[in-house]
Amino acid sequence: MVRCKICGITSYEDAMVAIKAGADALGFVFYEKSPRYISPSDAKEIITKLPPFIEKVGLFVNVDAQIINSYIQESGCTLAQLHFKASDGLYEQLFVPYIKVVRAKEAKDILMFSNEYRLVDAYCEAYGGTGKRLNIEWFKDIDCSKIILAGGLDPQNVASLKEYGFFGVDVSSGVEISHGIKNAEKVKEFIKNANS
């Protein structure tokens, strides 16, 4: 069973489409420069109406521990996803669960934090939801059981990842009509194909 995260949620309707299709996690982008940005208070409005047992993930870029802690608390998110190189000091100041993101430029990058669960995305100057794909060959013969793969995934290519044994997959732009607006059919197809 591959766990599926639908990222860039901006409405309750899209959140429920993803949950009903079988999503394990929803992503809320707390990065103001993103076209999928949502404020913690708007995220809270969605999150308070959601059913239980769904991971709610807040995405952060280049902020301090205080902001991460307060946004996660205010929004009701259950996990922080950190898209930047943080100091050990920052991790120590977090009192919320978090997952690190590896923005891979080359093959060796995907081995970073290999003893912990991590999200691996393609490196690009912008952060998140760019639809840029990683070289899948990099993952041959490595243990992918703690990797959540992101970057350039869509309903068509997700089925081909089965053999690698990823813990999970994360999609944003690959199931959208436009930035932050999901296509219900694509969301359903993505989750179905990830587990087919």
C-alpha atoms as a PDB file:
ATOM      1  CA  MET A   1       0.000   0.000   0.000  1.00  0.00           C
ATOM      2  CA  VAL A   2       1.609   3.273  -1.123  1.00  0.00           C
ATOM      3  CA  ARG A   3       0.569   6.234   0.973  1.00  0.00           C
ATOM      4  CA  CYS A   4      -0.721   9.176  -1.058  1.00  0.00           C
ATOM      5  CA  LYS A   5      -0.473  12.854  -0.187  1.00  0.00           C
ATOM      6  CA  ILE A   6      -2.427  15.440  -2.159  1.00  0.00           C
ATOM      7  CA  CYS A   7      -0.656  18.771  -1.716  1.00  0.00           C
ATOM      8  CA  GLY A   8      -1.684  22.377  -2.304  1.00  0.00           C
ATOM      9  CA  ILE A   9      -5.181  22.046  -0.832  1.00  0.00           C
ATOM     10  CA  THR A  10      -7.018  25.396  -0.767  1.00  0.00           C
ATOM     11  CA  SER A  11     -10.676  24.386  -0.332  1.00  0.00           C
ATOM     12  CA  TYR A  12     -12.797  22.059   1.790  1.00  0.00           C
ATOM     13  CA  GLU A  13     -14.292  20.579  -1.406  1.00  0.00           C
ATOM     14  CA  ASP A  14     -10.870  19.566  -2.739  1.00  0.00           C
ATOM     15  CA  ALA A  15      -9.888  18.183   0.663  1.00  0.00           C
ATOM     16  CA  MET A  16     -12.981  15.950   0.744  1.00  0.00           C
ATOM     17  CA  VAL A  17     -12.489  14.811  -2.870  1.00  0.00           C
ATOM     18  CA  ALA A  18      -8.966  13.684  -1.917  1.00  0.00           C
ATOM     19  CA  ILE A  19     -10.090  11.955   1.296  1.00  0.00           C
ATOM     20  CA  LYS A  20     -12.970  10.143  -0.406  1.00  0.00           C
ATOM     21  CA  ALA A  21     -10.580   8.993  -3.135  1.00  0.00           C
ATOM     22  CA  GLY A  22      -8.368   7.453  -0.433  1.00  0.00           C
ATOM     23  CA  ALA A  23      -5.703  10.096   0.291  1.00  0.00           C
ATOM     24  CA  ASP A  24      -3.703   9.453   3.474  1.00  0.00           C
ATOM     25  CA  ALA A  25      -2.485  13.033   3.807  1.00  0.00           C
ATOM     26  CA  LEU A  26      -3.334  16.544   2.647  1.00  0.00           C
ATOM     27  CA  GLY A  27      -0.784  19.328   2.163  1.00  0.00           C
ATOM     28  CA  PHE A  28      -1.333  22.990   3.048  1.00  0.00           C
ATOM     29  CA  VAL A  29       1.224  25.454   1.657  1.00  0.00           C
ATOM     30  CA  PHE A  30       2.258  28.098   4.210  1.00  0.00           C
ATOM     31  CA  TYR A  31       4.737  29.694   1.800  1.00  0.00           C
ATOM     32  CA  GLU A  32       3.496  33.117   0.764  1.00  0.00           C
ATOM     33  CA  LYS A  33       5.242  33.194  -2.619  1.00  0.00           C
ATOM     34  CA  SER A  34       3.424  30.032  -3.744  1.00  0.00           C
ATOM     35  CA  PRO A  35       0.331  30.292  -5.959  1.00  0.00           C
ATOM     36  CA  ARG A  36      -1.115  27.595  -3.655  1.00  0.00           C
ATOM     37  CA  TYR A  37      -0.543  29.616  -0.480  1.00  0.00           C
ATOM     38  CA  ILE A  38      -3.153  29.338   2.261  1.00  0.00           C
ATOM     39  CA  SER A  39      -3.150  31.198   5.572  1.00  0.00           C
ATOM     40  CA  PRO A  40      -3.150  29.172   8.802  1.00  0.00           C
ATOM     41  CA  SER A  41      -6.618  30.525   9.656  1.00  0.00           C
ATOM     42  CA  ASP A  42      -8.052  29.499   6.255  1.00  0.00           C
ATOM     43  CA  ALA A  43      -6.399  26.092   6.623  1.00  0.00           C
ATOM     44  CA  LYS A  44      -7.984  25.783  10.075  1.00  0.00           C
ATOM     45  CA  GLU A  45     -11.451  26.402   8.592  1.00  0.00           C
ATOM     46  CA  ILE A  46     -10.934  23.407   6.302  1.00  0.00           C
ATOM     47  CA  ILE A  47      -9.156  21.182   8.836  1.00  0.00           C
ATOM     48  CA  THR A  48     -11.740  21.537  11.618  1.00  0.00           C
ATOM     49  CA  LYS A  49     -14.379  20.024   9.298  1.00  0.00           C
ATOM     50  CA  LEU A  50     -12.321  17.029   8.175  1.00  0.00           C
ATOM     51  CA  PRO A  51     -12.843  13.441   9.334  1.00  0.00           C
ATOM     52  CA  PRO A  52     -10.276  11.866  11.714  1.00  0.00           C
ATOM     53  CA  PHE A  53      -7.213   9.742  10.826  1.00  0.00           C
ATOM     54  CA  ILE A  54      -6.018  11.997   7.987  1.00  0.00           C
ATOM     55  CA  GLU A  55      -2.542  13.534   8.234  1.00  0.00           C
ATOM     56  CA  LYS A  56      -2.639  17.313   7.745  1.00  0.00           C
ATOM     57  CA  VAL A  57       0.746  18.570   6.565  1.00  0.00           C
ATOM     58  CA  GLY A  58       1.871  22.203   6.686  1.00  0.00           C
ATOM     59  CA  LEU A  59       4.577  23.115   4.154  1.00  0.00           C
ATOM     60  CA  PHE A  60       7.238  25.653   5.161  1.00  0.00           C
ATOM     61  CA  VAL A  61      10.096  27.439   3.395  1.00  0.00           C
ATOM     62  CA  ASN A  62      12.830  29.498   5.108  1.00  0.00           C
ATOM     63  CA  VAL A  63      11.070  30.359   8.361  1.00  0.00           C
ATOM     64  CA  ASP A  64      12.050  30.012  11.999  1.00  0.00           C
ATOM     65  CA  ALA A  65      10.879  27.445  14.536  1.00  0.00           C
ATOM     66  CA  GLN A  66       8.532  29.910  16.201  1.00  0.00           C
ATOM     67  CA  ILE A  67       6.533  30.391  12.982  1.00  0.00           C
ATOM     68  CA  ILE A  68       6.423  26.658  12.286  1.00  0.00           C
ATOM     69  CA  ASN A  69       5.213  25.877  15.809  1.00  0.00           C
ATOM     70  CA  SER A  70       2.576  28.620  15.803  1.00  0.00           C
ATOM     71  CA  TYR A  71       1.239  27.931  12.278  1.00  0.00           C
ATOM     72  CA  ILE A  72       0.943  24.199  12.962  1.00  0.00           C
ATOM     73  CA  GLN A  73      -0.895  24.894  16.212  1.00  0.00           C
ATOM     74  CA  GLU A  74      -3.160  27.569  14.749  1.00  0.00           C
ATOM     75  CA  SER A  75      -4.105  25.588  11.652  1.00  0.00           C
ATOM     76  CA  GLY A  76      -4.575  22.199  13.308  1.00  0.00           C
ATOM     77  CA  CYS A  77      -1.992  20.586  11.024  1.00  0.00           C
ATOM     78  CA  THR A  78      -0.408  17.417  12.387  1.00  0.00           C
ATOM     79  CA  LEU A  79       2.975  17.493  10.616  1.00  0.00           C
ATOM     80  CA  ALA A  80       5.398  20.158   9.364  1.00  0.00           C
ATOM     81  CA  GLN A  81       7.130  19.601   6.014  1.00  0.00           C
ATOM     82  CA  LEU A  82      10.389  21.560   5.850  1.00  0.00           C
ATOM     83  CA  HIS A  83      11.566  22.551   2.360  1.00  0.00           C
ATOM     84  CA  PHE A  84      14.807  24.194   3.407  1.00  0.00           C
ATOM     85  CA  LYS A  85      18.150  23.387   4.984  1.00  0.00           C
ATOM     86  CA  ALA A  86      17.607  24.062   8.650  1.00  0.00           C
ATOM     87  CA  SER A  87      20.102  24.116  11.495  1.00  0.00           C
ATOM     88  CA  ASP A  88      20.061  21.451  14.185  1.00  0.00           C
ATOM     89  CA  GLY A  89      19.017  24.243  16.521  1.00  0.00           C
ATOM     90  CA  LEU A  90      15.810  24.774  14.567  1.00  0.00           C
ATOM     91  CA  TYR A  91      14.825  21.101  14.763  1.00  0.00           C
ATOM     92  CA  GLU A  92      15.466  21.149  18.522  1.00  0.00           C
ATOM     93  CA  GLN A  93      13.099  24.098  18.955  1.00  0.00           C
ATOM     94  CA  LEU A  94      10.203  22.399  17.196  1.00  0.00           C
ATOM     95  CA  PHE A  95       7.551  20.912  19.411  1.00  0.00           C
ATOM     96  CA  VAL A  96       5.556  19.600  16.461  1.00  0.00           C
ATOM     97  CA  PRO A  97       6.278  16.486  14.374  1.00  0.00           C
ATOM     98  CA  TYR A  98       8.180  17.280  11.169  1.00  0.00           C
ATOM     99  CA  ILE A  99       9.552  15.712   8.018  1.00  0.00           C
ATOM    100  CA  LYS A 100      12.593  16.942   6.078  1.00  0.00           C
ATOM    101  CA  VAL A 101      12.523  17.508   2.328  1.00  0.00           C
ATOM    102  CA  VAL A 102      15.508  16.629   0.151  1.00  0.00           C
ATOM    103  CA  ARG A 103      15.606  18.797  -2.974  1.00  0.00           C
ATOM    104  CA  ALA A 104      17.762  16.473  -5.056  1.00  0.00           C
ATOM    105  CA  LYS A 105      20.150  17.909  -7.666  1.00  0.00           C
ATOM    106  CA  GLU A 106      22.110  14.687  -8.188  1.00  0.00           C
ATOM    107  CA  ALA A 107      21.895  10.979  -7.380  1.00  0.00           C
ATOM    108  CA  LYS A 108      23.841  11.130  -4.107  1.00  0.00           C
ATOM    109  CA  ASP A 109      21.398  13.707  -2.676  1.00  0.00           C
ATOM    110  CA  ILE A 110      18.649  11.121  -2.309  1.00  0.00           C
ATOM    111  CA  LEU A 111      20.735   9.346   0.339  1.00  0.00           C
ATOM    112  CA  MET A 112      20.556  12.353   2.701  1.00  0.00           C
ATOM    113  CA  PHE A 113      18.778  11.602   5.998  1.00  0.00           C
ATOM    114  CA  SER A 114      18.593   7.978   4.849  1.00  0.00           C
ATOM    115  CA  ASN A 115      17.905   6.741   8.391  1.00  0.00           C
ATOM    116  CA  GLU A 116      14.678   8.784   8.637  1.00  0.00           C
ATOM    117  CA  TYR A 117      11.452   9.183   6.691  1.00  0.00           C
ATOM    118  CA  ARG A 118      11.914  12.016   4.204  1.00  0.00           C
ATOM    119  CA  LEU A 119      10.289  13.560   1.176  1.00  0.00           C
ATOM    120  CA  VAL A 120      12.461  13.624  -1.954  1.00  0.00           C
ATOM    121  CA  ASP A 121      11.660  16.244  -4.596  1.00  0.00           C
ATOM    122  CA  ALA A 122      13.400  17.536  -7.706  1.00  0.00           C
ATOM    123  CA  TYR A 123      15.612  20.554  -7.094  1.00  0.00           C
ATOM    124  CA  CYS A 124      14.566  23.812  -8.719  1.00  0.00           C
ATOM    125  CA  GLU A 125      14.901  27.480  -7.803  1.00  0.00           C
ATOM    126  CA  ALA A 126      11.212  27.746  -6.945  1.00  0.00           C
ATOM    127  CA  TYR A 127       9.768  25.679  -4.113  1.00  0.00           C
ATOM    128  CA  GLY A 128       7.115  23.013  -4.577  1.00  0.00           C
ATOM    129  CA  GLY A 129       4.491  22.280  -7.196  1.00  0.00           C
ATOM    130  CA  THR A 130       6.637  23.000 -10.240  1.00  0.00           C
ATOM    131  CA  GLY A 131       5.964  19.620 -11.847  1.00  0.00           C
ATOM    132  CA  LYS A 132       9.684  18.977 -12.369  1.00  0.00           C
ATOM    133  CA  ARG A 133      10.549  15.259 -12.379  1.00  0.00           C
ATOM    134  CA  LEU A 134      13.397  13.432 -10.714  1.00  0.00           C
ATOM    135  CA  ASN A 135      15.524  10.910 -12.561  1.00  0.00           C
ATOM    136  CA  ILE A 136      13.850   7.693 -11.461  1.00  0.00           C
ATOM    137  CA  GLU A 137      16.990   5.681 -12.321  1.00  0.00           C
ATOM    138  CA  TRP A 138      18.614   7.167  -9.207  1.00  0.00           C
ATOM    139  CA  PHE A 139      16.342   5.025  -7.028  1.00  0.00           C
ATOM    140  CA  LYS A 140      17.352   1.668  -8.540  1.00  0.00           C
ATOM    141  CA  ASP A 141      18.973  -0.609  -5.959  1.00  0.00           C
ATOM    142  CA  ILE A 142      18.501   1.720  -2.981  1.00  0.00           C
ATOM    143  CA  ASP A 143      16.157   1.263  -0.044  1.00  0.00           C
ATOM    144  CA  CYS A 144      13.152   3.473  -0.802  1.00  0.00           C
ATOM    145  CA  SER A 145      11.024   2.276   2.111  1.00  0.00           C
ATOM    146  CA  LYS A 146      11.431   5.601   3.964  1.00  0.00           C
ATOM    147  CA  ILE A 147      11.094   7.851   0.902  1.00  0.00           C
ATOM    148  CA  ILE A 148       8.009   9.823  -0.096  1.00  0.00           C
ATOM    149  CA  LEU A 149       8.545  10.720  -3.736  1.00  0.00           C
ATOM    150  CA  ALA A 150       7.417  14.094  -5.084  1.00  0.00           C
ATOM    151  CA  GLY A 151       8.038  16.070  -8.247  1.00  0.00           C
ATOM    152  CA  GLY A 152       6.378  15.710 -11.622  1.00  0.00           C
ATOM    153  CA  LEU A 153       4.048  12.879 -10.646  1.00  0.00           C
ATOM    154  CA  ASP A 154       0.672  12.439 -12.320  1.00  0.00           C
ATOM    155  CA  PRO A 155      -1.991   9.741 -12.794  1.00  0.00           C
ATOM    156  CA  GLN A 156      -0.127   8.391 -15.850  1.00  0.00           C
ATOM    157  CA  ASN A 157       3.372   7.917 -14.433  1.00  0.00           C
ATOM    158  CA  VAL A 158       2.629   7.019 -10.804  1.00  0.00           C
ATOM    159  CA  ALA A 159       1.813   3.377 -11.581  1.00  0.00           C
ATOM    160  CA  SER A 160       5.345   2.810 -12.915  1.00  0.00           C
ATOM    161  CA  LEU A 161       6.871   3.456  -9.457  1.00  0.00           C
ATOM    162  CA  LYS A 162       5.564   0.253  -7.890  1.00  0.00           C
ATOM    163  CA  GLU A 163       8.822  -1.719  -8.186  1.00  0.00           C
ATOM    164  CA  TYR A 164      10.816   0.812  -6.126  1.00  0.00           C
ATOM    165  CA  GLY A 165       8.853   0.307  -2.916  1.00  0.00           C
ATOM    166  CA  PHE A 166       8.437   3.970  -1.957  1.00  0.00           C
ATOM    167  CA  PHE A 167       6.718   4.608   1.361  1.00  0.00           C
ATOM    168  CA  GLY A 168       4.551   7.227  -0.293  1.00  0.00           C
ATOM    169  CA  VAL A 169       3.947   9.597  -3.199  1.00  0.00           C
ATOM    170  CA  ASP A 170       3.104  13.284  -3.137  1.00  0.00           C
ATOM    171  CA  VAL A 171       1.321  15.157  -5.926  1.00  0.00           C
ATOM    172  CA  SER A 172       0.242  18.750  -6.434  1.00  0.00           C
ATOM    173  CA  SER A 173       0.351  20.175  -9.972  1.00  0.00           C
ATOM    174  CA  GLY A 174      -0.193  16.722 -11.550  1.00  0.00           C
ATOM    175  CA  VAL A 175      -3.834  16.633 -10.402  1.00  0.00           C
ATOM    176  CA  GLU A 176      -4.781  20.286 -10.880  1.00  0.00           C
ATOM    177  CA  ILE A 177      -7.040  22.300 -13.161  1.00  0.00           C
ATOM    178  CA  SER A 178      -5.137  25.435 -12.122  1.00  0.00           C
ATOM    179  CA  HIS A 179      -2.902  26.432  -9.149  1.00  0.00           C
ATOM    180  CA  GLY A 180      -4.561  25.185  -5.976  1.00  0.00           C
ATOM    181  CA  ILE A 181      -7.706  23.894  -7.727  1.00  0.00           C
ATOM    182  CA  LYS A 182      -7.841  20.111  -7.978  1.00  0.00           C
ATOM    183  CA  ASN A 183      -9.382  17.994 -10.738  1.00  0.00           C
ATOM    184  CA  ALA A 184     -11.521  15.389  -8.930  1.00  0.00           C
ATOM    185  CA  GLU A 185     -11.129  12.766 -11.677  1.00  0.00           C
ATOM    186  CA  LYS A 186      -7.338  13.145 -11.733  1.00  0.00           C
ATOM    187  CA  VAL A 187      -7.149  12.883  -7.934  1.00  0.00           C
ATOM    188  CA  LYS A 188      -9.170   9.634  -7.990  1.00  0.00           C
ATOM    189  CA  GLU A 189      -7.140   8.255 -10.885  1.00  0.00           C
ATOM    190  CA  PHE A 190      -3.829   9.175  -9.227  1.00  0.00           C
ATOM    191  CA  ILE A 191      -4.638   7.373  -5.968  1.00  0.00           C
ATOM    192  CA  LYS A 192      -6.093   4.362  -7.800  1.00  0.00           C
ATOM    193  CA  ASN A 193      -3.039   4.066 -10.074  1.00  0.00           C
ATOM    194  CA  ALA A 194      -0.585   4.522  -7.188  1.00  0.00           C
ATOM    195  CA  ASN A 195      -2.044   1.414  -5.604  1.00  0.00           C
ATOM    196  CA  SER A 196      -2.968  -0.637  -8.672  1.00  0.00           C
END
